[in-house]
Amino acid sequence: MRLLLAIFLPFAVFFTIGRPIAGIICLILQVTLIGWLPAAIWAVYALGQYKTDEKIKEALKR
């Protein structure tokens, strides 16, 4: 679900993963039509990093 959000509303992903300042910067980038594609790529990348960090935290708990 977050992946679809990252493609269509990139700024919202940053708010769901706890990075509101990055979300505001992404929103400013997304406002321009040319900036929407880099914003979507950045959101997908950040989402991947977030998932990796969560997996590492889970592995260290064990």
N, C-alpha and C. Protein backbone atom coordinates (compact mmCIF):
# COMPACT_ATOMS: atom_id res chain seq x y z
N MET A 1 0.81 -1.18 0.00
CA MET A 1 0.00 0.00 0.00
C MET A 1 0.86 1.26 0.00
N ARG A 2 1.92 1.23 0.80
CA ARG A 2 2.81 2.39 0.83
C ARG A 2 3.53 2.59 -0.49
N LEU A 3 3.75 1.53 -1.23
CA LEU A 3 4.40 1.68 -2.53
C LEU A 3 3.52 2.45 -3.50
N LEU A 4 2.24 2.17 -3.52
CA LEU A 4 1.32 2.94 -4.36
C LEU A 4 1.26 4.39 -3.90
N LEU A 5 1.29 4.59 -2.60
CA LEU A 5 1.30 5.94 -2.06
C LEU A 5 2.57 6.67 -2.49
N ALA A 6 3.69 5.95 -2.51
CA ALA A 6 4.96 6.55 -2.92
C ALA A 6 4.94 6.99 -4.38
N ILE A 7 4.20 6.30 -5.19
CA ILE A 7 4.15 6.65 -6.61
C ILE A 7 3.18 7.80 -6.87
N PHE A 8 2.01 7.77 -6.24
CA PHE A 8 0.99 8.77 -6.53
C PHE A 8 1.06 10.00 -5.62
N LEU A 9 1.41 9.82 -4.37
CA LEU A 9 1.55 10.93 -3.42
C LEU A 9 2.86 10.76 -2.65
N PRO A 10 3.97 11.05 -3.31
CA PRO A 10 5.27 10.78 -2.68
C PRO A 10 5.48 11.44 -1.31
N PHE A 11 5.00 12.66 -1.14
CA PHE A 11 5.24 13.35 0.12
C PHE A 11 4.57 12.64 1.30
N ALA A 12 3.46 11.97 1.07
CA ALA A 12 2.72 11.32 2.15
C ALA A 12 3.48 10.14 2.74
N VAL A 13 4.32 9.51 1.94
CA VAL A 13 5.09 8.36 2.44
C VAL A 13 6.02 8.79 3.56
N PHE A 14 6.62 9.95 3.42
CA PHE A 14 7.56 10.42 4.44
C PHE A 14 6.86 10.66 5.77
N PHE A 15 5.61 11.09 5.73
CA PHE A 15 4.87 11.27 6.96
C PHE A 15 4.52 9.93 7.60
N THR A 16 4.28 8.89 6.79
CA THR A 16 3.93 7.58 7.34
C THR A 16 5.14 6.85 7.92
N ILE A 17 6.35 7.21 7.47
CA ILE A 17 7.54 6.54 8.01
C ILE A 17 8.24 7.39 9.06
N GLY A 18 7.62 8.51 9.44
CA GLY A 18 8.16 9.30 10.54
C GLY A 18 9.24 10.29 10.13
N ARG A 19 9.18 10.81 8.92
CA ARG A 19 10.15 11.81 8.46
C ARG A 19 9.40 13.03 7.90
N PRO A 20 8.80 13.84 8.79
CA PRO A 20 7.95 14.94 8.33
C PRO A 20 8.71 16.05 7.61
N ILE A 21 9.94 16.33 7.99
CA ILE A 21 10.69 17.39 7.31
C ILE A 21 10.99 16.98 5.88
N ALA A 22 11.36 15.74 5.67
CA ALA A 22 11.58 15.24 4.32
C ALA A 22 10.27 15.25 3.54
N GLY A 23 9.16 15.02 4.22
CA GLY A 23 7.85 15.07 3.57
C GLY A 23 7.52 16.46 3.05
N ILE A 24 7.85 17.48 3.82
CA ILE A 24 7.62 18.86 3.39
C ILE A 24 8.50 19.21 2.20
N ILE A 25 9.77 18.80 2.26
CA ILE A 25 10.69 19.05 1.14
C ILE A 25 10.21 18.32 -0.11
N CYS A 26 9.74 17.11 0.06
CA CYS A 26 9.23 16.33 -1.07
C CYS A 26 7.97 16.96 -1.64
N LEU A 27 7.12 17.51 -0.79
CA LEU A 27 5.92 18.18 -1.26
C LEU A 27 6.27 19.40 -2.11
N ILE A 28 7.26 20.16 -1.67
CA ILE A 28 7.71 21.32 -2.46
C ILE A 28 8.25 20.85 -3.80
N LEU A 29 9.00 19.76 -3.80
CA LEU A 29 9.53 19.21 -5.04
C LEU A 29 8.41 18.69 -5.94
N GLN A 30 7.42 18.08 -5.33
CA GLN A 30 6.33 17.47 -6.09
C GLN A 30 5.40 18.51 -6.71
N VAL A 31 5.37 19.71 -6.19
CA VAL A 31 4.47 20.74 -6.71
C VAL A 31 4.74 21.02 -8.19
N THR A 32 5.99 20.96 -8.59
CA THR A 32 6.31 21.16 -10.01
C THR A 32 6.11 19.84 -10.74
N LEU A 33 5.67 19.93 -11.97
CA LEU A 33 5.43 18.71 -12.75
C LEU A 33 6.74 17.97 -13.01
N ILE A 34 7.81 18.70 -13.27
CA ILE A 34 9.10 18.07 -13.52
C ILE A 34 9.64 17.42 -12.24
N GLY A 35 9.34 18.01 -11.08
CA GLY A 35 9.84 17.49 -9.82
C GLY A 35 9.08 16.29 -9.29
N TRP A 36 7.93 15.98 -9.91
CA TRP A 36 7.13 14.87 -9.40
C TRP A 36 7.87 13.54 -9.57
N LEU A 37 8.51 13.33 -10.70
CA LEU A 37 9.21 12.06 -10.94
C LEU A 37 10.37 11.87 -9.96
N PRO A 38 11.25 12.87 -9.76
CA PRO A 38 12.29 12.68 -8.74
C PRO A 38 11.71 12.50 -7.34
N ALA A 39 10.60 13.16 -7.04
CA ALA A 39 9.97 13.01 -5.73
C ALA A 39 9.46 11.58 -5.55
N ALA A 40 8.87 11.01 -6.59
CA ALA A 40 8.38 9.64 -6.52
C ALA A 40 9.54 8.65 -6.36
N ILE A 41 10.60 8.87 -7.09
CA ILE A 41 11.78 8.00 -6.98
C ILE A 41 12.37 8.09 -5.58
N TRP A 42 12.47 9.31 -5.06
CA TRP A 42 13.01 9.52 -3.71
C TRP A 42 12.13 8.83 -2.67
N ALA A 43 10.83 8.90 -2.83
CA ALA A 43 9.91 8.27 -1.88
C ALA A 43 10.03 6.75 -1.91
N VAL A 44 10.15 6.18 -3.10
CA VAL A 44 10.30 4.72 -3.21
C VAL A 44 11.63 4.29 -2.59
N TYR A 45 12.69 5.06 -2.83
CA TYR A 45 13.99 4.76 -2.23
C TYR A 45 13.92 4.84 -0.70
N ALA A 46 13.31 5.91 -0.19
CA ALA A 46 13.20 6.07 1.27
C ALA A 46 12.36 4.96 1.88
N LEU A 47 11.34 4.53 1.18
CA LEU A 47 10.51 3.43 1.67
C LEU A 47 11.32 2.13 1.74
N GLY A 48 12.15 1.90 0.75
CA GLY A 48 13.02 0.72 0.77
C GLY A 48 14.01 0.76 1.92
N GLN A 49 14.57 1.94 2.17
CA GLN A 49 15.50 2.10 3.29
C GLN A 49 14.79 1.88 4.62
N TYR A 50 13.57 2.38 4.72
CA TYR A 50 12.79 2.21 5.95
C TYR A 50 12.52 0.74 6.23
N LYS A 51 12.15 -0.01 5.19
CA LYS A 51 11.88 -1.43 5.36
C LYS A 51 13.15 -2.18 5.76
N THR A 52 14.28 -1.80 5.18
CA THR A 52 15.55 -2.42 5.53
C THR A 52 15.91 -2.13 6.99
N ASP A 53 15.73 -0.88 7.41
CA ASP A 53 16.01 -0.52 8.80
C ASP A 53 15.12 -1.29 9.77
N GLU A 54 13.86 -1.47 9.41
CA GLU A 54 12.94 -2.22 10.27
C GLU A 54 13.37 -3.69 10.38
N LYS A 55 13.83 -4.27 9.28
CA LYS A 55 14.29 -5.65 9.31
C LYS A 55 15.54 -5.80 10.16
N ILE A 56 16.43 -4.83 10.10
CA ILE A 56 17.65 -4.86 10.91
C ILE A 56 17.30 -4.75 12.39
N LYS A 57 16.39 -3.85 12.73
CA LYS A 57 15.97 -3.71 14.13
C LYS A 57 15.35 -4.99 14.65
N GLU A 58 14.54 -5.63 13.82
CA GLU A 58 13.90 -6.89 14.21
C GLU A 58 14.94 -7.99 14.41
N ALA A 59 15.94 -8.04 13.54
CA ALA A 59 16.98 -9.06 13.65
C ALA A 59 17.84 -8.84 14.91
N LEU A 60 18.08 -7.60 15.27
CA LEU A 60 18.89 -7.33 16.45
C LEU A 60 18.14 -7.60 17.74
N LYS A 61 16.83 -7.58 17.71
CA LYS A 61 16.04 -7.89 18.89
C LYS A 61 16.15 -9.37 19.25
N ARG A 62 16.38 -10.20 18.24
CA ARG A 62 16.44 -11.65 18.47
C ARG A 62 17.72 -12.01 19.06
